[in-house]
Amino acid sequence: QMQLEESGGGSVQAADSLTLSCKDSGGGRTFARHAMGWFRQAPGKERELVADIDFTGLNTYYAESVKDRFTVSRDNRKNTLWLQLSNLRPEDTAVYYCAAGRGPGISVLLTAQPAFWGRGTQVTVSS
């Protein structure tokens, strides 16, 4: 069982940067076997996948809206996932969720619902 907890959200100005963290405190050794991803949900909108990383950390996916601005990374020894957000825009305002895929490959989060979710962290960007 994975227990994912996000941190690092906050209120910033446009063009600022933030780094979100997600740690699996479930106590198991399953983190390294899962693809991991970051979703976000803005008010009145559906939850969307913004970044995805496979179990090795070598392969990543980004939504077009965040490509070249966001960077996803992981450290399997620390059971931790990060999302670096730069050049933030007001439209990036959302609750950001960490999620574990149902398998190790990068495509699992693009094709199926995650196996585990965090509770989310709010990011608010002012113009």
Foldseek 3Di string as FASTA:
>chain_A
DWAKAKDWADEEAAQAKTKMKIATPVPDLCLLWWKKFKWWDDPPGDIDTAKIAFSVQPDMDGDPVQPPAKDWGDDSVRRMIMIMGGSDDQVVWTWMKMFTFPGGDRCRVVPDPGPDIYPTDTHGYHD
